């Protein structure tokens, strides 16, 4: 695909995203997307076969990237940096998260498969951070690495869901770093095993 074609594809996806935010996913048709993008509907089909395909493109473009490894530091600090990145991603892409939250039953198995792969990529970094801390003896949680990772995922997932349910106004005044520190503190207290002398603020 040429650079010009890639630009048109991205423009069509951006137009669809605006419409999704304005009318909701179910209120948008390919015809509306084509009109907003300033192209013929037949041209739009050269780039996307359906609005589901547009949504998947937006997810992969804005949500599905891996998390950058956090800088060196004690485990709670590193985990909080990973979790803050997820909260910041929600803040920047609340409209897309809301579609995923509300439309998942309608979109079915394909979306579930894509979300599972996206989640796996993000959690790889977190799992590696936990593994490194266990290897050095900094962290010896009750259970094992998978249990600690499950606790991380459960706390983050619950917080993301509550924010999405509360609506975009829930993000106003939210400090992702402070929120992440609080949740990681809950995680560490729940799993135990953190070597004495390590905390979030070192």
C-alpha atoms as a PDB file:
ATOM      1  CA  UNK A   1       0.000   0.000   0.000  1.00  0.00           C
ATOM      2  CA  UNK A   2       1.366   3.417  -0.967  1.00  0.00           C
ATOM      3  CA  UNK A   3       1.948   6.211   1.525  1.00  0.00           C
ATOM      4  CA  UNK A   4      -1.020   8.049   0.028  1.00  0.00           C
ATOM      5  CA  UNK A   5      -3.248   5.003   0.448  1.00  0.00           C
ATOM      6  CA  UNK A   6      -2.051   4.503   4.026  1.00  0.00           C
ATOM      7  CA  UNK A   7      -2.937   8.123   4.725  1.00  0.00           C
ATOM      8  CA  UNK A   8      -6.436   7.635   3.333  1.00  0.00           C
ATOM      9  CA  UNK A   9      -6.891   4.464   5.366  1.00  0.00           C
ATOM     10  CA  UNK A  10      -5.832   6.229   8.554  1.00  0.00           C
ATOM     11  CA  UNK A  11      -8.107   9.138   7.690  1.00  0.00           C
ATOM     12  CA  UNK A  12     -11.074   6.821   7.238  1.00  0.00           C
ATOM     13  CA  UNK A  13     -10.323   5.143  10.571  1.00  0.00           C
ATOM     14  CA  UNK A  14     -10.106   8.536  12.254  1.00  0.00           C
ATOM     15  CA  UNK A  15     -13.455   9.541  10.775  1.00  0.00           C
ATOM     16  CA  UNK A  16     -14.999   6.332  12.063  1.00  0.00           C
ATOM     17  CA  UNK A  17     -13.582   6.943  15.515  1.00  0.00           C
ATOM     18  CA  UNK A  18     -15.167  10.395  15.607  1.00  0.00           C
ATOM     19  CA  UNK A  19     -18.499   8.881  14.625  1.00  0.00           C
ATOM     20  CA  UNK A  20     -18.222   6.066  17.170  1.00  0.00           C
ATOM     21  CA  UNK A  21     -17.654   8.660  19.887  1.00  0.00           C
ATOM     22  CA  UNK A  22     -20.556  10.780  18.666  1.00  0.00           C
ATOM     23  CA  UNK A  23     -23.193   8.139  17.873  1.00  0.00           C
ATOM     24  CA  UNK A  24     -21.972   4.937  19.508  1.00  0.00           C
ATOM     25  CA  UNK A  25     -20.715   1.912  17.659  1.00  0.00           C
ATOM     26  CA  UNK A  26     -24.167   0.617  16.693  1.00  0.00           C
ATOM     27  CA  UNK A  27     -25.185   4.024  15.346  1.00  0.00           C
ATOM     28  CA  UNK A  28     -22.463   4.128  12.695  1.00  0.00           C
ATOM     29  CA  UNK A  29     -22.644   2.678   9.202  1.00  0.00           C
ATOM     30  CA  UNK A  30     -20.019   2.369   6.510  1.00  0.00           C
ATOM     31  CA  UNK A  31     -21.924   4.971   4.511  1.00  0.00           C
ATOM     32  CA  UNK A  32     -21.610   7.457   7.378  1.00  0.00           C
ATOM     33  CA  UNK A  33     -17.903   6.726   7.679  1.00  0.00           C
ATOM     34  CA  UNK A  34     -17.355   7.271   3.965  1.00  0.00           C
ATOM     35  CA  UNK A  35     -19.261  10.547   4.080  1.00  0.00           C
ATOM     36  CA  UNK A  36     -17.311  11.807   7.110  1.00  0.00           C
ATOM     37  CA  UNK A  37     -14.022  10.755   5.475  1.00  0.00           C
ATOM     38  CA  UNK A  38     -14.950  12.525   2.239  1.00  0.00           C
ATOM     39  CA  UNK A  39     -14.736   9.459   0.027  1.00  0.00           C
ATOM     40  CA  UNK A  40     -17.066   7.198  -1.903  1.00  0.00           C
ATOM     41  CA  UNK A  41     -18.346   4.149  -0.058  1.00  0.00           C
ATOM     42  CA  UNK A  42     -16.766   1.898  -2.678  1.00  0.00           C
ATOM     43  CA  UNK A  43     -13.421   3.550  -1.975  1.00  0.00           C
ATOM     44  CA  UNK A  44     -13.840   2.957   1.762  1.00  0.00           C
ATOM     45  CA  UNK A  45     -14.326  -0.750   1.033  1.00  0.00           C
ATOM     46  CA  UNK A  46     -10.894  -0.773  -0.591  1.00  0.00           C
ATOM     47  CA  UNK A  47      -9.476  -0.203   2.913  1.00  0.00           C
ATOM     48  CA  UNK A  48     -11.999  -1.807   5.260  1.00  0.00           C
ATOM     49  CA  UNK A  49     -14.594  -4.493   4.605  1.00  0.00           C
ATOM     50  CA  UNK A  50     -16.734  -3.644   7.633  1.00  0.00           C
ATOM     51  CA  UNK A  51     -16.986  -1.354  10.638  1.00  0.00           C
ATOM     52  CA  UNK A  52     -15.720  -4.278  12.752  1.00  0.00           C
ATOM     53  CA  UNK A  53     -12.536  -4.242  10.700  1.00  0.00           C
ATOM     54  CA  UNK A  54     -12.207  -0.506  11.332  1.00  0.00           C
ATOM     55  CA  UNK A  55     -12.592  -1.081  15.063  1.00  0.00           C
ATOM     56  CA  UNK A  56      -9.906  -3.782  15.054  1.00  0.00           C
ATOM     57  CA  UNK A  57      -7.601  -1.432  13.160  1.00  0.00           C
ATOM     58  CA  UNK A  58      -8.155   1.272  15.774  1.00  0.00           C
ATOM     59  CA  UNK A  59      -7.521  -1.178  18.610  1.00  0.00           C
ATOM     60  CA  UNK A  60      -4.265  -2.370  17.092  1.00  0.00           C
ATOM     61  CA  UNK A  61      -3.179   1.175  16.305  1.00  0.00           C
ATOM     62  CA  UNK A  62      -3.977   2.757  19.682  1.00  0.00           C
ATOM     63  CA  UNK A  63      -4.382   0.045  22.314  1.00  0.00           C
ATOM     64  CA  UNK A  64      -2.572  -3.139  21.380  1.00  0.00           C
ATOM     65  CA  UNK A  65       1.048  -2.059  21.684  1.00  0.00           C
ATOM     66  CA  UNK A  66       3.263  -3.587  24.330  1.00  0.00           C
ATOM     67  CA  UNK A  67       4.221  -1.774  27.496  1.00  0.00           C
ATOM     68  CA  UNK A  68       7.717  -0.335  27.593  1.00  0.00           C
ATOM     69  CA  UNK A  69       9.868  -1.910  30.321  1.00  0.00           C
ATOM     70  CA  UNK A  70       9.928   0.423  33.329  1.00  0.00           C
ATOM     71  CA  UNK A  71      13.197   1.978  34.515  1.00  0.00           C
ATOM     72  CA  UNK A  72      15.280   0.213  37.174  1.00  0.00           C
ATOM     73  CA  UNK A  73      14.066   0.435  40.748  1.00  0.00           C
ATOM     74  CA  UNK A  74      12.310  -1.574  43.460  1.00  0.00           C
ATOM     75  CA  UNK A  75       9.499  -3.877  42.405  1.00  0.00           C
ATOM     76  CA  UNK A  76       6.555  -1.731  43.622  1.00  0.00           C
ATOM     77  CA  UNK A  77       7.923   1.276  41.736  1.00  0.00           C
ATOM     78  CA  UNK A  78       8.354  -0.724  38.522  1.00  0.00           C
ATOM     79  CA  UNK A  79       4.912  -2.332  38.746  1.00  0.00           C
ATOM     80  CA  UNK A  80       3.310   1.035  39.454  1.00  0.00           C
ATOM     81  CA  UNK A  81       4.935   2.460  36.321  1.00  0.00           C
ATOM     82  CA  UNK A  82       3.472  -0.399  34.252  1.00  0.00           C
ATOM     83  CA  UNK A  83       0.015   0.063  35.746  1.00  0.00           C
ATOM     84  CA  UNK A  84       0.115   3.844  35.343  1.00  0.00           C
ATOM     85  CA  UNK A  85       0.794   3.304  31.626  1.00  0.00           C
ATOM     86  CA  UNK A  86      -2.425   1.259  31.366  1.00  0.00           C
ATOM     87  CA  UNK A  87      -4.421   3.961  33.155  1.00  0.00           C
ATOM     88  CA  UNK A  88      -2.922   6.609  30.877  1.00  0.00           C
ATOM     89  CA  UNK A  89      -3.886   4.510  27.860  1.00  0.00           C
ATOM     90  CA  UNK A  90      -7.472   4.473  29.120  1.00  0.00           C
ATOM     91  CA  UNK A  91      -7.399   8.225  29.640  1.00  0.00           C
ATOM     92  CA  UNK A  92      -6.169   8.834  26.079  1.00  0.00           C
ATOM     93  CA  UNK A  93      -8.534   6.322  24.454  1.00  0.00           C
ATOM     94  CA  UNK A  94     -11.623   6.280  26.646  1.00  0.00           C
ATOM     95  CA  UNK A  95     -13.931   6.175  23.627  1.00  0.00           C
ATOM     96  CA  UNK A  96     -12.374   2.966  22.315  1.00  0.00           C
ATOM     97  CA  UNK A  97     -12.389   1.288  25.712  1.00  0.00           C
ATOM     98  CA  UNK A  98     -16.056   2.113  26.108  1.00  0.00           C
ATOM     99  CA  UNK A  99     -16.847   0.434  22.776  1.00  0.00           C
ATOM    100  CA  UNK A 100     -14.925  -2.672  23.816  1.00  0.00           C
ATOM    101  CA  UNK A 101     -16.690  -2.752  27.164  1.00  0.00           C
ATOM    102  CA  UNK A 102     -20.203  -2.330  25.768  1.00  0.00           C
ATOM    103  CA  UNK A 103     -19.947  -4.168  22.434  1.00  0.00           C
ATOM    104  CA  UNK A 104     -17.926  -7.250  23.321  1.00  0.00           C
ATOM    105  CA  UNK A 105     -21.001  -9.546  23.575  1.00  0.00           C
ATOM    106  CA  UNK A 106     -22.111  -8.415  20.105  1.00  0.00           C
ATOM    107  CA  UNK A 107     -18.714  -8.672  18.429  1.00  0.00           C
ATOM    108  CA  UNK A 108     -18.182 -12.225  19.661  1.00  0.00           C
ATOM    109  CA  UNK A 109     -15.268 -14.620  19.522  1.00  0.00           C
ATOM    110  CA  UNK A 110     -12.983 -12.761  17.129  1.00  0.00           C
ATOM    111  CA  UNK A 111     -12.827  -9.721  19.365  1.00  0.00           C
ATOM    112  CA  UNK A 112     -12.297 -11.950  22.391  1.00  0.00           C
ATOM    113  CA  UNK A 113      -9.349 -13.612  20.657  1.00  0.00           C
ATOM    114  CA  UNK A 114      -7.820 -10.289  19.704  1.00  0.00           C
ATOM    115  CA  UNK A 115      -8.277  -8.880  23.210  1.00  0.00           C
ATOM    116  CA  UNK A 116      -6.676 -11.952  24.765  1.00  0.00           C
ATOM    117  CA  UNK A 117      -3.617 -11.556  22.535  1.00  0.00           C
ATOM    118  CA  UNK A 118      -3.406  -7.836  23.272  1.00  0.00           C
ATOM    119  CA  UNK A 119      -3.651  -8.543  26.999  1.00  0.00           C
ATOM    120  CA  UNK A 120      -0.958 -11.217  26.740  1.00  0.00           C
ATOM    121  CA  UNK A 121       1.452  -8.766  25.117  1.00  0.00           C
ATOM    122  CA  UNK A 122       0.895  -6.125  27.805  1.00  0.00           C
ATOM    123  CA  UNK A 123       1.219  -8.619  30.667  1.00  0.00           C
ATOM    124  CA  UNK A 124       4.478 -10.040  29.307  1.00  0.00           C
ATOM    125  CA  UNK A 125       6.319  -6.969  30.564  1.00  0.00           C
ATOM    126  CA  UNK A 126       4.664  -7.145  33.981  1.00  0.00           C
ATOM    127  CA  UNK A 127       5.416 -10.854  34.262  1.00  0.00           C
ATOM    128  CA  UNK A 128       9.061 -10.247  33.436  1.00  0.00           C
ATOM    129  CA  UNK A 129       9.318  -7.527  36.092  1.00  0.00           C
ATOM    130  CA  UNK A 130       7.876  -9.915  38.695  1.00  0.00           C
ATOM    131  CA  UNK A 131      10.164 -12.725  37.525  1.00  0.00           C
ATOM    132  CA  UNK A 132      13.259 -10.550  37.831  1.00  0.00           C
ATOM    133  CA  UNK A 133      12.322  -9.513  41.376  1.00  0.00           C
ATOM    134  CA  UNK A 134      11.798 -13.149  42.348  1.00  0.00           C
ATOM    135  CA  UNK A 135      15.119 -14.177  40.801  1.00  0.00           C
ATOM    136  CA  UNK A 136      17.020 -11.583  42.828  1.00  0.00           C
ATOM    137  CA  UNK A 137      15.211 -12.484  46.039  1.00  0.00           C
ATOM    138  CA  UNK A 138      13.552  -9.082  46.309  1.00  0.00           C
ATOM    139  CA  UNK A 139      10.091 -10.660  46.086  1.00  0.00           C
ATOM    140  CA  UNK A 140       8.849 -14.028  47.327  1.00  0.00           C
ATOM    141  CA  UNK A 141       5.057 -13.884  46.994  1.00  0.00           C
ATOM    142  CA  UNK A 142       2.737 -16.452  48.467  1.00  0.00           C
ATOM    143  CA  UNK A 143       2.036 -18.858  45.672  1.00  0.00           C
ATOM    144  CA  UNK A 144       4.018 -18.189  42.516  1.00  0.00           C
ATOM    145  CA  UNK A 145       4.645 -15.731  39.702  1.00  0.00           C
ATOM    146  CA  UNK A 146       1.335 -16.550  38.013  1.00  0.00           C
ATOM    147  CA  UNK A 147      -0.559 -15.861  41.221  1.00  0.00           C
ATOM    148  CA  UNK A 148       1.099 -12.470  41.606  1.00  0.00           C
ATOM    149  CA  UNK A 149       0.393 -11.681  37.966  1.00  0.00           C
ATOM    150  CA  UNK A 150      -3.249 -12.671  38.446  1.00  0.00           C
ATOM    151  CA  UNK A 151      -3.516 -10.296  41.420  1.00  0.00           C
ATOM    152  CA  UNK A 152      -2.051  -7.469  39.313  1.00  0.00           C
ATOM    153  CA  UNK A 153      -4.459  -8.180  36.461  1.00  0.00           C
ATOM    154  CA  UNK A 154      -7.482  -8.436  38.760  1.00  0.00           C
ATOM    155  CA  UNK A 155      -6.816  -5.114  40.474  1.00  0.00           C
ATOM    156  CA  UNK A 156      -6.125  -3.295  37.228  1.00  0.00           C
ATOM    157  CA  UNK A 157      -9.108  -4.850  35.433  1.00  0.00           C
ATOM    158  CA  UNK A 158     -11.490  -3.962  38.250  1.00  0.00           C
ATOM    159  CA  UNK A 159     -10.285  -0.364  38.307  1.00  0.00           C
ATOM    160  CA  UNK A 160     -10.527   0.019  34.529  1.00  0.00           C
ATOM    161  CA  UNK A 161     -14.045  -1.421  34.531  1.00  0.00           C
ATOM    162  CA  UNK A 162     -15.198   0.904  37.308  1.00  0.00           C
ATOM    163  CA  UNK A 163     -13.825   3.948  35.484  1.00  0.00           C
ATOM    164  CA  UNK A 164     -15.467   2.936  32.202  1.00  0.00           C
ATOM    165  CA  UNK A 165     -18.806   2.320  33.920  1.00  0.00           C
ATOM    166  CA  UNK A 166     -18.613   5.737  35.600  1.00  0.00           C
ATOM    167  CA  UNK A 167     -18.117   7.475  32.239  1.00  0.00           C
ATOM    168  CA  UNK A 168     -15.467   9.840  30.867  1.00  0.00           C
ATOM    169  CA  UNK A 169     -15.962  12.325  33.692  1.00  0.00           C
ATOM    170  CA  UNK A 170     -14.424   9.710  35.995  1.00  0.00           C
ATOM    171  CA  UNK A 171     -11.041  10.516  34.475  1.00  0.00           C
ATOM    172  CA  UNK A 172     -11.207  14.175  35.466  1.00  0.00           C
ATOM    173  CA  UNK A 173      -8.662  14.812  38.164  1.00  0.00           C
ATOM    174  CA  UNK A 174      -7.458  11.213  38.189  1.00  0.00           C
ATOM    175  CA  UNK A 175      -3.721  10.933  38.812  1.00  0.00           C
ATOM    176  CA  UNK A 176      -2.645   7.703  37.059  1.00  0.00           C
ATOM    177  CA  UNK A 177       0.657   7.519  38.924  1.00  0.00           C
ATOM    178  CA  UNK A 178      -0.913   7.954  42.367  1.00  0.00           C
ATOM    179  CA  UNK A 179      -3.756   5.552  41.489  1.00  0.00           C
ATOM    180  CA  UNK A 180      -1.266   2.939  40.291  1.00  0.00           C
ATOM    181  CA  UNK A 181       0.828   3.266  43.459  1.00  0.00           C
ATOM    182  CA  UNK A 182      -2.269   2.667  45.583  1.00  0.00           C
ATOM    183  CA  UNK A 183      -3.309  -0.422  43.617  1.00  0.00           C
ATOM    184  CA  UNK A 184       0.189  -1.900  43.664  1.00  0.00           C
ATOM    185  CA  UNK A 185       0.315  -1.345  47.411  1.00  0.00           C
ATOM    186  CA  UNK A 186      -2.872  -3.437  47.670  1.00  0.00           C
ATOM    187  CA  UNK A 187      -1.268  -6.102  45.489  1.00  0.00           C
ATOM    188  CA  UNK A 188       1.927  -6.301  47.529  1.00  0.00           C
ATOM    189  CA  UNK A 189       0.012  -6.443  50.799  1.00  0.00           C
ATOM    190  CA  UNK A 190      -2.185  -9.184  49.376  1.00  0.00           C
ATOM    191  CA  UNK A 191       0.606 -11.387  48.033  1.00  0.00           C
ATOM    192  CA  UNK A 192       3.225 -10.647  50.682  1.00  0.00           C
ATOM    193  CA  UNK A 193       6.855 -11.546  50.189  1.00  0.00           C
ATOM    194  CA  UNK A 194       8.415  -8.145  49.535  1.00  0.00           C
ATOM    195  CA  UNK A 195      11.901  -7.879  50.959  1.00  0.00           C
ATOM    196  CA  UNK A 196      12.171  -5.407  53.844  1.00  0.00           C
ATOM    197  CA  UNK A 197      13.336  -1.960  52.878  1.00  0.00           C
ATOM    198  CA  UNK A 198      11.580  -1.720  49.538  1.00  0.00           C
ATOM    199  CA  UNK A 199       8.616   0.564  48.966  1.00  0.00           C
ATOM    200  CA  UNK A 200       6.982   2.632  46.254  1.00  0.00           C
ATOM    201  CA  UNK A 201       8.886   5.766  46.997  1.00  0.00           C
ATOM    202  CA  UNK A 202      12.490   4.578  46.670  1.00  0.00           C
END
